[in-house]
Structure formats: structure tokens, C-alpha cells
């Protein structure tokens, strides 16, 4: 199967400068689902300015804020986060095998 990734905004912290409701920190979760397997990673991004016109806090959409987060992470950052989640899913699908501490053959009676 192919993993489907979804980003969710969990919380936003604001200041009243330079505008009321100016978003300065966003907490997010990236979740991957591949069939019956699900894994996620959380993160946060801080913002000191917003590109373009200011959007009042009450008019922000989750898609808009996800766009900010993805832009802040860059293509490489997004790919790294998805690879981390994919690695978790791969480990669920095919759990890694741990080596055993086997007694030394010459110490056996």
C-alpha cells in the first residue's frame, strides 16, 4: 500500500503585536496511514513574520496554517518528516529483529 500523510494543527500561540492575534508558534502533528498501520510525529514552528497580507486570527484556515508550516520546513524538511513517519510504519509492518546474547560455546557444560 501507499502511505497517506496528513498534517493537523494542534495549537497556535499568538501575540497582540504587530497585529492582534499574530501567530508566533504553531504545534502540529504529521500522521501517516498505510492500511492498518498508523504512525505520527509532532513538531512546532515559530514565526516572526507572515508573508503577504495579514489574515485576522478568526479568519485563518487549517490549510493556510499548514501551508505556513510546510513553507517553513521546506521541501527537504517535509520529506524528512514523512520519511521518519514512514520508518515507523515500516517497523510496524516488519518489526526489526533484535540480536540475542547467546552464551559462549566454550562456557557450556
PDB file of N, CA and C in Angstrom:
ATOM      1  N   UNK A   1       0.835  -1.189   0.000  1.00  0.00           N
ATOM      2  CA  UNK A   1       0.000   0.000   0.000  1.00  0.00           C
ATOM      3  C   UNK A   1       0.878   1.251   0.000  1.00  0.00           C
ATOM      4  N   UNK A   2       0.254   2.365  -0.198  1.00  0.00           N
ATOM      5  CA  UNK A   2       0.949   3.641  -0.182  1.00  0.00           C
ATOM      6  C   UNK A   2       0.530   4.426   1.053  1.00  0.00           C
ATOM      7  N   UNK A   3       1.500   4.996   1.716  1.00  0.00           N
ATOM      8  CA  UNK A   3       1.199   5.761   2.924  1.00  0.00           C
ATOM      9  C   UNK A   3       0.566   7.090   2.566  1.00  0.00           C
ATOM     10  N   UNK A   4      -0.517   7.403   3.246  1.00  0.00           N
ATOM     11  CA  UNK A   4      -1.189   8.692   3.101  1.00  0.00           C
ATOM     12  C   UNK A   4      -0.804   9.555   4.295  1.00  0.00           C
ATOM     13  N   UNK A   5      -0.281  10.751   4.033  1.00  0.00           N
ATOM     14  CA  UNK A   5       0.162  11.647   5.094  1.00  0.00           C
ATOM     15  C   UNK A   5      -0.846  12.777   5.283  1.00  0.00           C
ATOM     16  N   UNK A   6      -1.089  13.114   6.546  1.00  0.00           N
ATOM     17  CA  UNK A   6      -1.994  14.204   6.899  1.00  0.00           C
ATOM     18  C   UNK A   6      -1.340  15.057   7.976  1.00  0.00           C
ATOM     19  N   UNK A   7      -1.392  16.364   7.807  1.00  0.00           N
ATOM     20  CA  UNK A   7      -0.901  17.285   8.825  1.00  0.00           C
ATOM     21  C   UNK A   7      -2.089  17.903   9.539  1.00  0.00           C
ATOM     22  N   UNK A   8      -2.017  17.935  10.866  1.00  0.00           N
ATOM     23  CA  UNK A   8      -3.067  18.522  11.689  1.00  0.00           C
ATOM     24  C   UNK A   8      -2.447  19.605  12.562  1.00  0.00           C
ATOM     25  N   UNK A   9      -3.124  20.726  12.663  1.00  0.00           N
ATOM     26  CA  UNK A   9      -2.684  21.798  13.560  1.00  0.00           C
ATOM     27  C   UNK A   9      -3.335  21.551  14.916  1.00  0.00           C
ATOM     28  N   UNK A  10      -2.498  21.444  15.970  1.00  0.00           N
ATOM     29  CA  UNK A  10      -2.998  21.134  17.309  1.00  0.00           C
ATOM     30  C   UNK A  10      -3.202  22.370  18.175  1.00  0.00           C
ATOM     31  N   UNK A  11      -2.358  23.372  17.985  1.00  0.00           N
ATOM     32  CA  UNK A  11      -2.459  24.585  18.813  1.00  0.00           C
ATOM     33  C   UNK A  11      -1.689  25.707  18.128  1.00  0.00           C
ATOM     34  N   UNK A  12      -2.115  26.941  18.418  1.00  0.00           N
ATOM     35  CA  UNK A  12      -1.408  28.123  17.929  1.00  0.00           C
ATOM     36  C   UNK A  12      -1.292  29.122  19.071  1.00  0.00           C
ATOM     37  N   UNK A  13      -0.131  29.716  19.189  1.00  0.00           N
ATOM     38  CA  UNK A  13       0.117  30.743  20.203  1.00  0.00           C
ATOM     39  C   UNK A  13       0.246  32.083  19.495  1.00  0.00           C
ATOM     40  N   UNK A  14      -0.350  33.113  20.098  1.00  0.00           N
ATOM     41  CA  UNK A  14      -0.394  34.421  19.451  1.00  0.00           C
ATOM     42  C   UNK A  14       0.133  35.521  20.367  1.00  0.00           C
ATOM     43  N   UNK A  15       0.459  36.628  19.735  1.00  0.00           N
ATOM     44  CA  UNK A  15       0.777  37.882  20.423  1.00  0.00           C
ATOM     45  C   UNK A  15      -0.123  38.963  19.843  1.00  0.00           C
ATOM     46  N   UNK A  16      -0.216  40.081  20.530  1.00  0.00           N
ATOM     47  CA  UNK A  16      -1.023  41.186  20.019  1.00  0.00           C
ATOM     48  C   UNK A  16      -0.204  42.204  19.242  1.00  0.00           C
ATOM     49  N   UNK A  17       1.067  41.875  18.961  1.00  0.00           N
ATOM     50  CA  UNK A  17       1.884  42.748  18.123  1.00  0.00           C
ATOM     51  C   UNK A  17       2.581  41.897  17.066  1.00  0.00           C
ATOM     52  N   UNK A  18       2.746  42.283  15.856  1.00  0.00           N
ATOM     53  CA  UNK A  18       2.423  43.612  15.358  1.00  0.00           C
ATOM     54  C   UNK A  18       0.932  43.823  15.092  1.00  0.00           C
ATOM     55  N   UNK A  19       0.154  42.744  15.100  1.00  0.00           N
ATOM     56  CA  UNK A  19      -1.301  42.821  14.922  1.00  0.00           C
ATOM     57  C   UNK A  19      -1.948  41.950  16.003  1.00  0.00           C
ATOM     58  N   UNK A  20      -3.182  42.266  16.402  1.00  0.00           N
ATOM     59  CA  UNK A  20      -3.868  41.386  17.357  1.00  0.00           C
ATOM     60  C   UNK A  20      -4.034  39.981  16.757  1.00  0.00           C
ATOM     61  N   UNK A  21      -3.714  38.961  17.547  1.00  0.00           N
ATOM     62  CA  UNK A  21      -3.852  37.586  17.062  1.00  0.00           C
ATOM     63  C   UNK A  21      -2.733  37.157  16.129  1.00  0.00           C
ATOM     64  N   UNK A  22      -1.573  37.800  16.207  1.00  0.00           N
ATOM     65  CA  UNK A  22      -0.439  37.454  15.357  1.00  0.00           C
ATOM     66  C   UNK A  22       0.127  36.101  15.809  1.00  0.00           C
ATOM     67  N   UNK A  23       0.129  35.118  14.924  1.00  0.00           N
ATOM     68  CA  UNK A  23       0.568  33.760  15.260  1.00  0.00           C
ATOM     69  C   UNK A  23       2.092  33.716  15.328  1.00  0.00           C
ATOM     70  N   UNK A  24       2.601  33.263  16.488  1.00  0.00           N
ATOM     71  CA  UNK A  24       4.054  33.191  16.668  1.00  0.00           C
ATOM     72  C   UNK A  24       4.552  31.753  16.835  1.00  0.00           C
ATOM     73  N   UNK A  25       3.653  30.816  17.146  1.00  0.00           N
ATOM     74  CA  UNK A  25       4.069  29.430  17.318  1.00  0.00           C
ATOM     75  C   UNK A  25       2.913  28.512  16.934  1.00  0.00           C
ATOM     76  N   UNK A  26       3.235  27.472  16.153  1.00  0.00           N
ATOM     77  CA  UNK A  26       2.232  26.502  15.717  1.00  0.00           C
ATOM     78  C   UNK A  26       2.716  25.111  16.106  1.00  0.00           C
ATOM     79  N   UNK A  27       1.857  24.366  16.808  1.00  0.00           N
ATOM     80  CA  UNK A  27       2.130  22.968  17.139  1.00  0.00           C
ATOM     81  C   UNK A  27       1.345  22.092  16.169  1.00  0.00           C
ATOM     82  N   UNK A  28       2.010  21.108  15.603  1.00  0.00           N
ATOM     83  CA  UNK A  28       1.387  20.288  14.566  1.00  0.00           C
ATOM     84  C   UNK A  28       1.747  18.818  14.728  1.00  0.00           C
ATOM     85  N   UNK A  29       0.963  17.967  14.064  1.00  0.00           N
ATOM     86  CA  UNK A  29       1.225  16.531  14.019  1.00  0.00           C
ATOM     87  C   UNK A  29       1.139  16.072  12.571  1.00  0.00           C
ATOM     88  N   UNK A  30       2.146  15.295  12.139  1.00  0.00           N
ATOM     89  CA  UNK A  30       2.123  14.653  10.829  1.00  0.00           C
ATOM     90  C   UNK A  30       1.815  13.180  11.074  1.00  0.00           C
ATOM     91  N   UNK A  31       0.726  12.692  10.479  1.00  0.00           N
ATOM     92  CA  UNK A  31       0.291  11.313  10.656  1.00  0.00           C
ATOM     93  C   UNK A  31       0.349  10.603   9.315  1.00  0.00           C
ATOM     94  N   UNK A  32       0.850   9.375   9.342  1.00  0.00           N
ATOM     95  CA  UNK A  32       0.871   8.539   8.152  1.00  0.00           C
ATOM     96  C   UNK A  32       0.032   7.301   8.393  1.00  0.00           C
ATOM     97  N   UNK A  33      -0.752   6.920   7.382  1.00  0.00           N
ATOM     98  CA  UNK A  33      -1.589   5.728   7.471  1.00  0.00           C
ATOM     99  C   UNK A  33      -1.295   4.869   6.248  1.00  0.00           C
ATOM    100  N   UNK A  34      -0.959   3.608   6.511  1.00  0.00           N
ATOM    101  CA  UNK A  34      -0.713   2.634   5.445  1.00  0.00           C
ATOM    102  C   UNK A  34      -1.495   1.373   5.818  1.00  0.00           C
ATOM    103  N   UNK A  35      -2.688   1.245   5.262  1.00  0.00           N
ATOM    104  CA  UNK A  35      -3.547   0.118   5.618  1.00  0.00           C
ATOM    105  C   UNK A  35      -3.924   0.191   7.081  1.00  0.00           C
ATOM    106  N   UNK A  36      -3.580  -0.854   7.836  1.00  0.00           N
ATOM    107  CA  UNK A  36      -3.924  -0.903   9.257  1.00  0.00           C
ATOM    108  C   UNK A  36      -2.862  -0.256  10.133  1.00  0.00           C
ATOM    109  N   UNK A  37      -1.794   0.246   9.544  1.00  0.00           N
ATOM    110  CA  UNK A  37      -0.681   0.798  10.316  1.00  0.00           C
ATOM    111  C   UNK A  37      -0.714   2.321  10.313  1.00  0.00           C
ATOM    112  N   UNK A  38      -0.536   2.903  11.503  1.00  0.00           N
ATOM    113  CA  UNK A  38      -0.551   4.357  11.667  1.00  0.00           C
ATOM    114  C   UNK A  38       0.619   4.768  12.541  1.00  0.00           C
ATOM    115  N   UNK A  39       1.270   5.857  12.156  1.00  0.00           N
ATOM    116  CA  UNK A  39       2.357   6.422  12.950  1.00  0.00           C
ATOM    117  C   UNK A  39       2.311   7.936  12.799  1.00  0.00           C
ATOM    118  N   UNK A  40       2.921   8.630  13.757  1.00  0.00           N
ATOM    119  CA  UNK A  40       2.896  10.092  13.678  1.00  0.00           C
ATOM    120  C   UNK A  40       4.126  10.684  14.352  1.00  0.00           C
ATOM    121  N   UNK A  41       4.341  11.948  14.030  1.00  0.00           N
ATOM    122  CA  UNK A  41       5.415  12.728  14.635  1.00  0.00           C
ATOM    123  C   UNK A  41       4.864  14.136  14.838  1.00  0.00           C
ATOM    124  N   UNK A  42       5.255  14.745  15.925  1.00  0.00           N
ATOM    125  CA  UNK A  42       4.804  16.097  16.210  1.00  0.00           C
ATOM    126  C   UNK A  42       5.949  17.081  16.094  1.00  0.00           C
ATOM    127  N   UNK A  43       5.593  18.336  15.933  1.00  0.00           N
ATOM    128  CA  UNK A  43       6.601  19.377  15.850  1.00  0.00           C
ATOM    129  C   UNK A  43       5.995  20.734  16.103  1.00  0.00           C
ATOM    130  N   UNK A  44       6.839  21.733  16.058  1.00  0.00           N
ATOM    131  CA  UNK A  44       6.366  23.109  16.211  1.00  0.00           C
ATOM    132  C   UNK A  44       7.217  24.020  15.342  1.00  0.00           C
ATOM    133  N   UNK A  45       6.613  25.095  14.927  1.00  0.00           N
ATOM    134  CA  UNK A  45       7.312  26.120  14.157  1.00  0.00           C
ATOM    135  C   UNK A  45       7.021  27.474  14.777  1.00  0.00           C
ATOM    136  N   UNK A  46       8.052  28.286  14.850  1.00  0.00           N
ATOM    137  CA  UNK A  46       7.893  29.652  15.332  1.00  0.00           C
ATOM    138  C   UNK A  46       7.921  30.601  14.144  1.00  0.00           C
ATOM    139  N   UNK A  47       7.141  31.661  14.260  1.00  0.00           N
ATOM    140  CA  UNK A  47       7.034  32.634  13.182  1.00  0.00           C
ATOM    141  C   UNK A  47       7.280  34.030  13.725  1.00  0.00           C
ATOM    142  N   UNK A  48       8.033  34.816  12.967  1.00  0.00           N
ATOM    143  CA  UNK A  48       8.284  36.205  13.349  1.00  0.00           C
ATOM    144  C   UNK A  48       7.607  37.162  12.389  1.00  0.00           C
ATOM    145  N   UNK A  49       7.248  36.656  11.208  1.00  0.00           N
ATOM    146  CA  UNK A  49       6.518  37.494  10.254  1.00  0.00           C
ATOM    147  C   UNK A  49       5.732  36.588   9.325  1.00  0.00           C
ATOM    148  N   UNK A  50       4.725  37.140   8.703  1.00  0.00           N
ATOM    149  CA  UNK A  50       3.927  36.389   7.753  1.00  0.00           C
ATOM    150  C   UNK A  50       4.081  37.052   6.392  1.00  0.00           C
ATOM    151  N   UNK A  51       4.253  36.216   5.364  1.00  0.00           N
ATOM    152  CA  UNK A  51       4.348  36.758   4.009  1.00  0.00           C
ATOM    153  C   UNK A  51       2.958  37.189   3.540  1.00  0.00           C
ATOM    154  N   UNK A  52       2.911  38.266   2.784  1.00  0.00           N
ATOM    155  CA  UNK A  52       1.648  38.721   2.234  1.00  0.00           C
ATOM    156  C   UNK A  52       0.837  39.505   3.242  1.00  0.00           C
ATOM    157  N   UNK A  53      -0.428  39.665   2.928  1.00  0.00           N
ATOM    158  CA  UNK A  53      -1.328  40.428   3.774  1.00  0.00           C
ATOM    159  C   UNK A  53      -1.636  39.660   5.062  1.00  0.00           C
ATOM    160  N   UNK A  54      -1.793  40.398   6.136  1.00  0.00           N
ATOM    161  CA  UNK A  54      -2.132  39.806   7.429  1.00  0.00           C
ATOM    162  C   UNK A  54      -3.557  39.262   7.382  1.00  0.00           C
ATOM    163  N   UNK A  55      -3.734  38.034   7.863  1.00  0.00           N
ATOM    164  CA  UNK A  55      -5.061  37.429   7.973  1.00  0.00           C
ATOM    165  C   UNK A  55      -5.465  37.439   9.434  1.00  0.00           C
ATOM    166  N   UNK A  56      -6.598  38.052   9.770  1.00  0.00           N
ATOM    167  CA  UNK A  56      -7.046  38.031  11.167  1.00  0.00           C
ATOM    168  C   UNK A  56      -7.167  36.595  11.680  1.00  0.00           C
ATOM    169  N   UNK A  57      -6.840  36.406  12.943  1.00  0.00           N
ATOM    170  CA  UNK A  57      -6.821  35.077  13.557  1.00  0.00           C
ATOM    171  C   UNK A  57      -8.125  34.321  13.311  1.00  0.00           C
ATOM    172  N   UNK A  58      -9.243  34.983  13.459  1.00  0.00           N
ATOM    173  CA  UNK A  58     -10.542  34.307  13.319  1.00  0.00           C
ATOM    174  C   UNK A  58     -10.828  33.876  11.887  1.00  0.00           C
ATOM    175  N   UNK A  59     -10.051  34.367  10.931  1.00  0.00           N
ATOM    176  CA  UNK A  59     -10.266  34.018   9.528  1.00  0.00           C
ATOM    177  C   UNK A  59      -9.250  33.004   9.000  1.00  0.00           C
ATOM    178  N   UNK A  60      -8.314  32.587   9.859  1.00  0.00           N
ATOM    179  CA  UNK A  60      -7.319  31.600   9.435  1.00  0.00           C
ATOM    180  C   UNK A  60      -7.982  30.252   9.204  1.00  0.00           C
ATOM    181  N   UNK A  61      -7.476  29.509   8.224  1.00  0.00           N
ATOM    182  CA  UNK A  61      -7.930  28.143   7.986  1.00  0.00           C
ATOM    183  C   UNK A  61      -6.778  27.193   8.296  1.00  0.00           C
ATOM    184  N   UNK A  62      -7.146  25.943   8.601  1.00  0.00           N
ATOM    185  CA  UNK A  62      -6.109  24.954   8.876  1.00  0.00           C
ATOM    186  C   UNK A  62      -5.199  24.792   7.652  1.00  0.00           C
ATOM    187  N   UNK A  63      -5.770  24.804   6.456  1.00  0.00           N
ATOM    188  CA  UNK A  63      -4.982  24.658   5.234  1.00  0.00           C
ATOM    189  C   UNK A  63      -3.959  25.784   5.097  1.00  0.00           C
ATOM    190  N   UNK A  64      -4.349  27.002   5.442  1.00  0.00           N
ATOM    191  CA  UNK A  64      -3.442  28.145   5.362  1.00  0.00           C
ATOM    192  C   UNK A  64      -2.274  27.981   6.332  1.00  0.00           C
ATOM    193  N   UNK A  65      -2.570  27.571   7.556  1.00  0.00           N
ATOM    194  CA  UNK A  65      -1.523  27.414   8.564  1.00  0.00           C
ATOM    195  C   UNK A  65      -0.628  26.228   8.221  1.00  0.00           C
ATOM    196  N   UNK A  66      -1.197  25.143   7.697  1.00  0.00           N
ATOM    197  CA  UNK A  66      -0.384  24.017   7.230  1.00  0.00           C
ATOM    198  C   UNK A  66       0.574  24.500   6.142  1.00  0.00           C
ATOM    199  N   UNK A  67       0.103  25.357   5.272  1.00  0.00           N
ATOM    200  CA  UNK A  67       0.960  25.937   4.231  1.00  0.00           C
ATOM    201  C   UNK A  67       2.132  26.692   4.837  1.00  0.00           C
ATOM    202  N   UNK A  68       1.894  27.449   5.911  1.00  0.00           N
ATOM    203  CA  UNK A  68       2.981  28.157   6.597  1.00  0.00           C
ATOM    204  C   UNK A  68       4.006  27.172   7.137  1.00  0.00           C
ATOM    205  N   UNK A  69       3.491  26.117   7.792  1.00  0.00           N
ATOM    206  CA  UNK A  69       4.379  25.116   8.391  1.00  0.00           C
ATOM    207  C   UNK A  69       5.226  24.447   7.311  1.00  0.00           C
ATOM    208  N   UNK A  70       4.572  24.019   6.233  1.00  0.00           N
ATOM    209  CA  UNK A  70       5.299  23.345   5.161  1.00  0.00           C
ATOM    210  C   UNK A  70       6.312  24.278   4.501  1.00  0.00           C
ATOM    211  N   UNK A  71       5.958  25.545   4.347  1.00  0.00           N
ATOM    212  CA  UNK A  71       6.904  26.504   3.779  1.00  0.00           C
ATOM    213  C   UNK A  71       8.095  26.702   4.707  1.00  0.00           C
ATOM    214  N   UNK A  72       7.834  26.743   6.025  1.00  0.00           N
ATOM    215  CA  UNK A  72       8.918  26.918   6.994  1.00  0.00           C
ATOM    216  C   UNK A  72       9.844  25.701   7.005  1.00  0.00           C
ATOM    217  N   UNK A  73       9.277  24.499   6.860  1.00  0.00           N
ATOM    218  CA  UNK A  73      10.085  23.283   6.840  1.00  0.00           C
ATOM    219  C   UNK A  73      10.844  23.135   5.526  1.00  0.00           C
ATOM    220  N   UNK A  74      10.263  23.628   4.446  1.00  0.00           N
ATOM    221  CA  UNK A  74      10.852  23.450   3.123  1.00  0.00           C
ATOM    222  C   UNK A  74      10.592  22.047   2.612  1.00  0.00           C
ATOM    223  N   UNK A  75      10.844  21.846   1.326  1.00  0.00           N
ATOM    224  CA  UNK A  75      10.596  20.525   0.731  1.00  0.00           C
ATOM    225  C   UNK A  75      11.408  19.440   1.417  1.00  0.00           C
ATOM    226  N   UNK A  76      12.665  19.741   1.726  1.00  0.00           N
ATOM    227  CA  UNK A  76      13.526  18.755   2.375  1.00  0.00           C
ATOM    228  C   UNK A  76      13.023  18.426   3.771  1.00  0.00           C
ATOM    229  N   UNK A  77      12.611  19.436   4.529  1.00  0.00           N
ATOM    230  CA  UNK A  77      12.099  19.206   5.872  1.00  0.00           C
ATOM    231  C   UNK A  77      10.831  18.372   5.869  1.00  0.00           C
ATOM    232  N   UNK A  78       9.922  18.667   4.950  1.00  0.00           N
ATOM    233  CA  UNK A  78       8.685  17.883   4.842  1.00  0.00           C
ATOM    234  C   UNK A  78       9.028  16.444   4.476  1.00  0.00           C
ATOM    235  N   UNK A  79       9.932  16.266   3.507  1.00  0.00           N
ATOM    236  CA  UNK A  79      10.335  14.913   3.100  1.00  0.00           C
ATOM    237  C   UNK A  79      10.976  14.157   4.267  1.00  0.00           C
ATOM    238  N   UNK A  80      11.782  14.838   5.079  1.00  0.00           N
ATOM    239  CA  UNK A  80      12.410  14.199   6.235  1.00  0.00           C
ATOM    240  C   UNK A  80      11.378  13.765   7.268  1.00  0.00           C
ATOM    241  N   UNK A  81      10.369  14.625   7.526  1.00  0.00           N
ATOM    242  CA  UNK A  81       9.314  14.272   8.483  1.00  0.00           C
ATOM    243  C   UNK A  81       8.517  13.074   7.971  1.00  0.00           C
ATOM    244  N   UNK A  82       8.187  13.073   6.680  1.00  0.00           N
ATOM    245  CA  UNK A  82       7.450  11.947   6.105  1.00  0.00           C
ATOM    246  C   UNK A  82       8.290  10.672   6.154  1.00  0.00           C
ATOM    247  N   UNK A  83       9.597  10.782   5.909  1.00  0.00           N
ATOM    248  CA  UNK A  83      10.479   9.612   5.974  1.00  0.00           C
ATOM    249  C   UNK A  83      10.539   9.057   7.389  1.00  0.00           C
ATOM    250  N   UNK A  84      10.518   9.926   8.379  1.00  0.00           N
ATOM    251  CA  UNK A  84      10.521   9.482   9.780  1.00  0.00           C
ATOM    252  C   UNK A  84       9.257   8.690  10.088  1.00  0.00           C
ATOM    253  N   UNK A  85       8.119   9.218   9.682  1.00  0.00           N
ATOM    254  CA  UNK A  85       6.843   8.523   9.906  1.00  0.00           C
ATOM    255  C   UNK A  85       6.821   7.216   9.114  1.00  0.00           C
ATOM    256  N   UNK A  86       7.323   7.253   7.879  1.00  0.00           N
ATOM    257  CA  UNK A  86       7.364   6.037   7.058  1.00  0.00           C
ATOM    258  C   UNK A  86       8.234   4.973   7.715  1.00  0.00           C
ATOM    259  N   UNK A  87       9.342   5.380   8.307  1.00  0.00           N
ATOM    260  CA  UNK A  87      10.211   4.440   9.013  1.00  0.00           C
ATOM    261  C   UNK A  87       9.499   3.775  10.173  1.00  0.00           C
ATOM    262  N   UNK A  88       8.691   4.549  10.902  1.00  0.00           N
ATOM    263  CA  UNK A  88       7.911   3.973  11.998  1.00  0.00           C
ATOM    264  C   UNK A  88       6.924   2.933  11.464  1.00  0.00           C
ATOM    265  N   UNK A  89       6.255   3.276  10.365  1.00  0.00           N
ATOM    266  CA  UNK A  89       5.284   2.346   9.769  1.00  0.00           C
ATOM    267  C   UNK A  89       5.990   1.094   9.266  1.00  0.00           C
ATOM    268  N   UNK A  90       7.137   1.273   8.605  1.00  0.00           N
ATOM    269  CA  UNK A  90       7.891   0.115   8.107  1.00  0.00           C
ATOM    270  C   UNK A  90       8.275  -0.815   9.254  1.00  0.00           C
ATOM    271  N   UNK A  91       8.628  -0.240  10.406  1.00  0.00           N
ATOM    272  CA  UNK A  91       8.991  -1.052  11.570  1.00  0.00           C
ATOM    273  C   UNK A  91       7.782  -1.778  12.151  1.00  0.00           C
ATOM    274  N   UNK A  92       6.603  -1.190  12.005  1.00  0.00           N
ATOM    275  CA  UNK A  92       5.386  -1.872  12.448  1.00  0.00           C
ATOM    276  C   UNK A  92       5.040  -3.035  11.512  1.00  0.00           C
ATOM    277  N   UNK A  93       5.221  -2.789  10.205  1.00  0.00           N
ATOM    278  CA  UNK A  93       4.909  -3.817   9.211  1.00  0.00           C
ATOM    279  C   UNK A  93       5.889  -4.984   9.323  1.00  0.00           C
ATOM    280  N   UNK A  94       7.171  -4.671   9.402  1.00  0.00           N
ATOM    281  CA  UNK A  94       8.225  -5.688   9.518  1.00  0.00           C
ATOM    282  C   UNK A  94       9.093  -5.337  10.715  1.00  0.00           C
ATOM    283  N   UNK A  95       8.698  -5.786  11.902  1.00  0.00           N
ATOM    284  CA  UNK A  95       9.466  -5.419  13.097  1.00  0.00           C
ATOM    285  C   UNK A  95      10.928  -5.854  12.973  1.00  0.00           C
ATOM    286  N   UNK A  96      11.827  -4.984  13.420  1.00  0.00           N
ATOM    287  CA  UNK A  96      13.243  -5.356  13.350  1.00  0.00           C
ATOM    288  C   UNK A  96      13.528  -6.528  14.286  1.00  0.00           C
ATOM    289  N   UNK A  97      14.488  -7.335  13.882  1.00  0.00           N
ATOM    290  CA  UNK A  97      14.875  -8.494  14.679  1.00  0.00           C
ATOM    291  C   UNK A  97      16.034  -8.072  15.571  1.00  0.00           C
ATOM    292  N   UNK A  98      15.875  -8.312  16.872  1.00  0.00           N
ATOM    293  CA  UNK A  98      16.924  -7.958  17.826  1.00  0.00           C
ATOM    294  C   UNK A  98      17.863  -9.147  18.017  1.00  0.00           C
ATOM    295  N   UNK A  99      19.158  -8.892  18.042  1.00  0.00           N
ATOM    296  CA  UNK A  99      20.093  -9.993  18.277  1.00  0.00           C
ATOM    297  C   UNK A  99      19.977 -10.481  19.726  1.00  0.00           C
ATOM    298  N   UNK A 100      20.308 -11.742  19.926  1.00  0.00           N
ATOM    299  CA  UNK A 100      20.261 -12.340  21.257  1.00  0.00           C
ATOM    300  C   UNK A 100      21.670 -12.455  21.814  1.00  0.00           C
ATOM    301  N   UNK A 101      21.784 -12.323  23.114  1.00  0.00           N
ATOM    302  CA  UNK A 101      23.045 -12.560  23.793  1.00  0.00           C
ATOM    303  C   UNK A 101      23.133 -14.069  24.014  1.00  0.00           C
ATOM    304  N   UNK A 102      23.836 -14.733  23.121  1.00  0.00           N
ATOM    305  CA  UNK A 102      23.939 -16.187  23.159  1.00  0.00           C
ATOM    306  C   UNK A 102      25.151 -16.581  23.994  1.00  0.00           C
ATOM    307  N   UNK A 103      24.981 -17.543  24.896  1.00  0.00           N
ATOM    308  CA  UNK A 103      26.117 -17.968  25.723  1.00  0.00           C
ATOM    309  C   UNK A 103      27.283 -18.438  24.848  1.00  0.00           C
ATOM    310  N   UNK A 104      28.479 -18.166  25.282  1.00  0.00           N
ATOM    311  CA  UNK A 104      29.667 -18.577  24.539  1.00  0.00           C
ATOM    312  C   UNK A 104      29.740 -20.099  24.493  1.00  0.00           C
ATOM    313  N   UNK A 105      30.050 -20.661  23.340  1.00  0.00           N
ATOM    314  CA  UNK A 105      30.024 -22.120  23.206  1.00  0.00           C
ATOM    315  C   UNK A 105      31.047 -22.820  24.109  1.00  0.00           C
ATOM    316  N   UNK A 106      32.123 -22.188  24.422  1.00  0.00           N
ATOM    317  CA  UNK A 106      33.148 -22.821  25.270  1.00  0.00           C
ATOM    318  C   UNK A 106      32.818 -22.748  26.751  1.00  0.00           C
ATOM    319  N   UNK A 107      31.759 -21.998  27.125  1.00  0.00           N
ATOM    320  CA  UNK A 107      31.370 -21.944  28.529  1.00  0.00           C
ATOM    321  C   UNK A 107      30.195 -22.858  28.829  1.00  0.00           C
ATOM    322  N   UNK A 108      29.817 -23.684  27.866  1.00  0.00           N
ATOM    323  CA  UNK A 108      28.683 -24.573  28.055  1.00  0.00           C
ATOM    324  C   UNK A 108      29.162 -25.872  28.716  1.00  0.00           C
ATOM    325  N   UNK A 109      28.376 -26.372  29.619  1.00  0.00           N
ATOM    326  CA  UNK A 109      28.785 -27.639  30.258  1.00  0.00           C
ATOM    327  C   UNK A 109      28.120 -28.814  29.620  1.00  0.00           C
TER     328      UNK A 109
END
